[in-house]
Amino acid sequence: MKDKTKELEQKIEAKKQSFSIEEAQKLILQQLFDGIQKEMRRYLNAERKKIIGIFEKLWDKYQVSLVEIKQERDSAVSRLNEYLEKLGYSKKGSDL
C-alpha cells in the first residue's frame, strides 16, 4: 500500500511539473461547466416535480366526469323520492 501511495505521489508530482496553463484553464472551465450543469439539472428536476404535482392535482380534481356526477345525483334524487313516497310526503311521479 505504501509503495502504491509513493508511486501515485510521484505521478502527481511529475504531472505538476508538466502541467501547462492551457491544461489548467481547460480543467477549471470543465469544473465550472460541470458545476453549472449539475445546478441546472437540480433546478429543472425541481420545476418538473412542481409541474407534475400541478397536473396530478388537476387529475384528482377533474377525474370524475360531469356525466357521472349527474348520474349519481339523479340516482340519489330517485331514491329520495322513493323514501318520501313511502313516508307519504310525495306523490308518485313528482320531482323535488
N, C-alpha and C. Protein backbone atom coordinates (compact mmCIF):
# COMPACT_ATOMS: atom_id res chain seq x y z
N MET A 1 0.83 -1.19 0.00
CA MET A 1 0.00 0.00 0.00
C MET A 1 0.87 1.26 0.00
N LYS A 2 1.95 1.19 0.82
CA LYS A 2 2.85 2.35 0.88
C LYS A 2 3.54 2.58 -0.46
N ASP A 3 3.87 1.49 -1.14
CA ASP A 3 4.52 1.62 -2.45
C ASP A 3 3.58 2.27 -3.46
N LYS A 4 2.33 1.84 -3.43
CA LYS A 4 1.33 2.42 -4.35
C LYS A 4 1.12 3.90 -4.06
N THR A 5 1.10 4.26 -2.78
CA THR A 5 0.93 5.65 -2.40
C THR A 5 2.11 6.49 -2.89
N LYS A 6 3.33 5.99 -2.72
CA LYS A 6 4.52 6.71 -3.19
C LYS A 6 4.52 6.85 -4.70
N GLU A 7 4.10 5.78 -5.38
CA GLU A 7 4.04 5.80 -6.85
C GLU A 7 3.03 6.85 -7.32
N LEU A 8 1.91 6.91 -6.67
CA LEU A 8 0.89 7.89 -7.02
C LEU A 8 1.39 9.30 -6.76
N GLU A 9 2.04 9.52 -5.64
CA GLU A 9 2.60 10.84 -5.33
C GLU A 9 3.63 11.26 -6.37
N GLN A 10 4.44 10.31 -6.83
CA GLN A 10 5.45 10.62 -7.84
C GLN A 10 4.78 11.01 -9.16
N LYS A 11 3.72 10.28 -9.52
CA LYS A 11 3.00 10.62 -10.75
C LYS A 11 2.35 11.99 -10.66
N ILE A 12 1.81 12.31 -9.50
CA ILE A 12 1.19 13.63 -9.30
C ILE A 12 2.25 14.72 -9.41
N GLU A 13 3.40 14.51 -8.80
CA GLU A 13 4.48 15.49 -8.84
C GLU A 13 4.99 15.67 -10.27
N ALA A 14 5.09 14.58 -11.03
CA ALA A 14 5.54 14.66 -12.42
C ALA A 14 4.52 15.45 -13.26
N LYS A 15 3.25 15.22 -13.00
CA LYS A 15 2.21 15.93 -13.75
C LYS A 15 2.23 17.42 -13.40
N LYS A 16 2.48 17.74 -12.13
CA LYS A 16 2.57 19.15 -11.74
C LYS A 16 3.65 19.88 -12.53
N GLN A 17 4.75 19.20 -12.77
CA GLN A 17 5.87 19.82 -13.48
C GLN A 17 5.55 20.06 -14.96
N SER A 18 4.76 19.14 -15.54
CA SER A 18 4.48 19.27 -16.97
C SER A 18 3.11 19.91 -17.26
N PHE A 19 2.42 20.34 -16.24
CA PHE A 19 1.08 20.91 -16.37
C PHE A 19 1.18 22.30 -17.01
N SER A 20 0.48 22.50 -18.12
CA SER A 20 0.55 23.79 -18.82
C SER A 20 -0.63 24.68 -18.41
N ILE A 21 -0.53 25.95 -18.75
CA ILE A 21 -1.60 26.92 -18.45
C ILE A 21 -2.86 26.55 -19.21
N GLU A 22 -2.73 26.10 -20.46
CA GLU A 22 -3.89 25.71 -21.25
C GLU A 22 -4.63 24.53 -20.59
N GLU A 23 -3.86 23.56 -20.10
CA GLU A 23 -4.47 22.42 -19.42
C GLU A 23 -5.19 22.87 -18.15
N ALA A 24 -4.58 23.79 -17.44
CA ALA A 24 -5.20 24.30 -16.22
C ALA A 24 -6.50 25.04 -16.55
N GLN A 25 -6.47 25.86 -17.60
CA GLN A 25 -7.68 26.58 -18.00
C GLN A 25 -8.79 25.62 -18.41
N LYS A 26 -8.44 24.60 -19.20
CA LYS A 26 -9.43 23.61 -19.61
C LYS A 26 -10.02 22.89 -18.40
N LEU A 27 -9.16 22.53 -17.47
CA LEU A 27 -9.62 21.83 -16.28
C LEU A 27 -10.56 22.71 -15.44
N ILE A 28 -10.19 23.96 -15.26
CA ILE A 28 -11.02 24.89 -14.48
C ILE A 28 -12.36 25.12 -15.17
N LEU A 29 -12.32 25.35 -16.49
CA LEU A 29 -13.57 25.55 -17.23
C LEU A 29 -14.46 24.31 -17.18
N GLN A 30 -13.85 23.14 -17.26
CA GLN A 30 -14.63 21.90 -17.19
C GLN A 30 -15.28 21.75 -15.82
N GLN A 31 -14.56 22.09 -14.76
CA GLN A 31 -15.13 22.03 -13.42
C GLN A 31 -16.27 23.02 -13.26
N LEU A 32 -16.11 24.23 -13.78
CA LEU A 32 -17.18 25.22 -13.72
C LEU A 32 -18.39 24.74 -14.51
N PHE A 33 -18.17 24.21 -15.70
CA PHE A 33 -19.25 23.70 -16.53
C PHE A 33 -19.99 22.57 -15.82
N ASP A 34 -19.25 21.65 -15.24
CA ASP A 34 -19.88 20.52 -14.54
C ASP A 34 -20.72 21.01 -13.36
N GLY A 35 -20.22 22.00 -12.63
CA GLY A 35 -20.98 22.56 -11.50
C GLY A 35 -22.25 23.25 -11.94
N ILE A 36 -22.15 24.03 -13.00
CA ILE A 36 -23.32 24.74 -13.53
C ILE A 36 -24.34 23.74 -14.07
N GLN A 37 -23.85 22.74 -14.79
CA GLN A 37 -24.74 21.72 -15.34
C GLN A 37 -25.47 20.96 -14.23
N LYS A 38 -24.77 20.65 -13.17
CA LYS A 38 -25.38 19.96 -12.03
C LYS A 38 -26.47 20.82 -11.40
N GLU A 39 -26.19 22.10 -11.22
CA GLU A 39 -27.18 23.03 -10.64
C GLU A 39 -28.40 23.16 -11.53
N MET A 40 -28.18 23.26 -12.85
CA MET A 40 -29.29 23.39 -13.79
C MET A 40 -30.17 22.15 -13.77
N ARG A 41 -29.56 20.98 -13.71
CA ARG A 41 -30.34 19.74 -13.65
C ARG A 41 -31.15 19.67 -12.36
N ARG A 42 -30.55 20.10 -11.26
CA ARG A 42 -31.26 20.10 -9.99
C ARG A 42 -32.45 21.06 -10.05
N TYR A 43 -32.25 22.24 -10.61
CA TYR A 43 -33.32 23.22 -10.75
C TYR A 43 -34.43 22.69 -11.66
N LEU A 44 -34.04 22.12 -12.81
CA LEU A 44 -35.04 21.60 -13.75
C LEU A 44 -35.83 20.44 -13.16
N ASN A 45 -35.16 19.58 -12.41
CA ASN A 45 -35.88 18.48 -11.76
C ASN A 45 -36.88 19.00 -10.73
N ALA A 46 -36.50 20.04 -9.99
CA ALA A 46 -37.43 20.63 -9.03
C ALA A 46 -38.64 21.23 -9.73
N GLU A 47 -38.41 21.94 -10.83
CA GLU A 47 -39.51 22.53 -11.59
C GLU A 47 -40.40 21.44 -12.21
N ARG A 48 -39.77 20.39 -12.71
CA ARG A 48 -40.52 19.28 -13.29
C ARG A 48 -41.43 18.65 -12.24
N LYS A 49 -40.92 18.48 -11.02
CA LYS A 49 -41.73 17.91 -9.94
C LYS A 49 -42.91 18.81 -9.60
N LYS A 50 -42.69 20.13 -9.63
CA LYS A 50 -43.79 21.07 -9.36
C LYS A 50 -44.88 20.94 -10.43
N ILE A 51 -44.47 20.89 -11.69
CA ILE A 51 -45.43 20.80 -12.79
C ILE A 51 -46.20 19.48 -12.72
N ILE A 52 -45.49 18.40 -12.44
CA ILE A 52 -46.17 17.10 -12.31
C ILE A 52 -47.17 17.14 -11.16
N GLY A 53 -46.80 17.80 -10.06
CA GLY A 53 -47.71 17.94 -8.93
C GLY A 53 -48.97 18.70 -9.30
N ILE A 54 -48.82 19.75 -10.08
CA ILE A 54 -49.98 20.54 -10.53
C ILE A 54 -50.91 19.67 -11.37
N PHE A 55 -50.36 18.92 -12.32
CA PHE A 55 -51.19 18.07 -13.16
C PHE A 55 -51.83 16.93 -12.37
N GLU A 56 -51.14 16.41 -11.38
CA GLU A 56 -51.74 15.36 -10.55
C GLU A 56 -52.93 15.91 -9.76
N LYS A 57 -52.80 17.13 -9.25
CA LYS A 57 -53.92 17.74 -8.53
C LYS A 57 -55.10 17.97 -9.47
N LEU A 58 -54.82 18.44 -10.68
CA LEU A 58 -55.90 18.65 -11.65
C LEU A 58 -56.56 17.31 -12.01
N TRP A 59 -55.76 16.27 -12.17
CA TRP A 59 -56.30 14.96 -12.49
C TRP A 59 -57.23 14.48 -11.37
N ASP A 60 -56.75 14.62 -10.12
CA ASP A 60 -57.58 14.20 -8.98
C ASP A 60 -58.88 15.00 -8.93
N LYS A 61 -58.78 16.29 -9.22
CA LYS A 61 -59.94 17.16 -9.12
C LYS A 61 -60.97 16.88 -10.22
N TYR A 62 -60.51 16.62 -11.43
CA TYR A 62 -61.42 16.50 -12.57
C TYR A 62 -61.53 15.09 -13.14
N GLN A 63 -61.10 14.08 -12.40
CA GLN A 63 -61.15 12.74 -12.97
C GLN A 63 -62.57 12.21 -13.06
N VAL A 64 -63.48 12.68 -12.20
CA VAL A 64 -64.88 12.28 -12.29
C VAL A 64 -65.58 13.23 -13.26
N SER A 65 -66.20 12.64 -14.30
CA SER A 65 -66.81 13.48 -15.33
C SER A 65 -68.15 14.04 -14.85
N LEU A 66 -68.59 15.06 -15.52
CA LEU A 66 -69.87 15.70 -15.21
C LEU A 66 -71.02 14.72 -15.42
N VAL A 67 -70.91 13.88 -16.43
CA VAL A 67 -71.95 12.88 -16.70
C VAL A 67 -72.10 11.94 -15.50
N GLU A 68 -70.97 11.49 -14.96
CA GLU A 68 -71.02 10.60 -13.79
C GLU A 68 -71.64 11.31 -12.59
N ILE A 69 -71.28 12.56 -12.39
CA ILE A 69 -71.84 13.32 -11.26
C ILE A 69 -73.35 13.45 -11.42
N LYS A 70 -73.80 13.77 -12.65
CA LYS A 70 -75.24 13.91 -12.88
C LYS A 70 -75.97 12.59 -12.69
N GLN A 71 -75.36 11.48 -13.12
CA GLN A 71 -75.98 10.17 -12.93
C GLN A 71 -76.12 9.84 -11.45
N GLU A 72 -75.08 10.11 -10.67
CA GLU A 72 -75.14 9.87 -9.23
C GLU A 72 -76.21 10.75 -8.59
N ARG A 73 -76.29 12.01 -9.02
CA ARG A 73 -77.29 12.92 -8.49
C ARG A 73 -78.69 12.42 -8.80
N ASP A 74 -78.94 12.03 -10.05
CA ASP A 74 -80.25 11.54 -10.45
C ASP A 74 -80.63 10.28 -9.68
N SER A 75 -79.67 9.42 -9.46
CA SER A 75 -79.92 8.20 -8.69
C SER A 75 -80.30 8.54 -7.25
N ALA A 76 -79.58 9.50 -6.66
CA ALA A 76 -79.88 9.91 -5.29
C ALA A 76 -81.27 10.55 -5.20
N VAL A 77 -81.61 11.37 -6.18
CA VAL A 77 -82.93 12.02 -6.21
C VAL A 77 -84.03 10.96 -6.33
N SER A 78 -83.79 9.97 -7.17
CA SER A 78 -84.76 8.90 -7.34
C SER A 78 -84.98 8.13 -6.04
N ARG A 79 -83.91 7.79 -5.36
CA ARG A 79 -84.03 7.08 -4.08
C ARG A 79 -84.74 7.94 -3.04
N LEU A 80 -84.40 9.24 -3.01
CA LEU A 80 -85.04 10.14 -2.06
C LEU A 80 -86.54 10.23 -2.34
N ASN A 81 -86.92 10.32 -3.61
CA ASN A 81 -88.35 10.36 -3.97
C ASN A 81 -89.06 9.09 -3.53
N GLU A 82 -88.40 7.94 -3.66
CA GLU A 82 -88.98 6.68 -3.21
C GLU A 82 -89.22 6.70 -1.70
N TYR A 83 -88.23 7.16 -0.95
CA TYR A 83 -88.39 7.24 0.51
C TYR A 83 -89.51 8.19 0.90
N LEU A 84 -89.54 9.35 0.25
CA LEU A 84 -90.57 10.33 0.56
C LEU A 84 -91.96 9.79 0.21
N GLU A 85 -92.05 9.05 -0.89
CA GLU A 85 -93.32 8.46 -1.29
C GLU A 85 -93.78 7.43 -0.27
N LYS A 86 -92.84 6.59 0.20
CA LYS A 86 -93.18 5.59 1.21
C LYS A 86 -93.65 6.24 2.50
N LEU A 87 -93.06 7.40 2.82
CA LEU A 87 -93.44 8.11 4.04
C LEU A 87 -94.70 8.95 3.85
N GLY A 88 -95.14 9.07 2.61
CA GLY A 88 -96.36 9.82 2.35
C GLY A 88 -96.15 11.31 2.14
N TYR A 89 -94.94 11.74 1.92
CA TYR A 89 -94.66 13.16 1.72
C TYR A 89 -94.62 13.58 0.27
N SER A 90 -94.69 12.63 -0.63
CA SER A 90 -94.56 12.96 -2.05
C SER A 90 -95.51 12.09 -2.84
N LYS A 91 -96.01 12.65 -3.95
CA LYS A 91 -96.87 11.89 -4.85
C LYS A 91 -96.00 11.20 -5.89
N LYS A 92 -96.44 10.07 -6.36
CA LYS A 92 -95.68 9.32 -7.35
C LYS A 92 -95.53 10.16 -8.62
N GLY A 93 -94.28 10.18 -9.16
CA GLY A 93 -94.02 10.89 -10.41
C GLY A 93 -93.64 12.34 -10.20
N SER A 94 -93.72 12.90 -9.01
CA SER A 94 -93.33 14.30 -8.81
C SER A 94 -91.86 14.37 -8.48
N ASP A 95 -91.24 15.45 -8.89
CA ASP A 95 -89.81 15.67 -8.62
C ASP A 95 -89.68 16.72 -7.53
N LEU A 96 -88.50 16.75 -6.93
CA LEU A 96 -88.21 17.76 -5.89
C LEU A 96 -87.96 19.10 -6.49
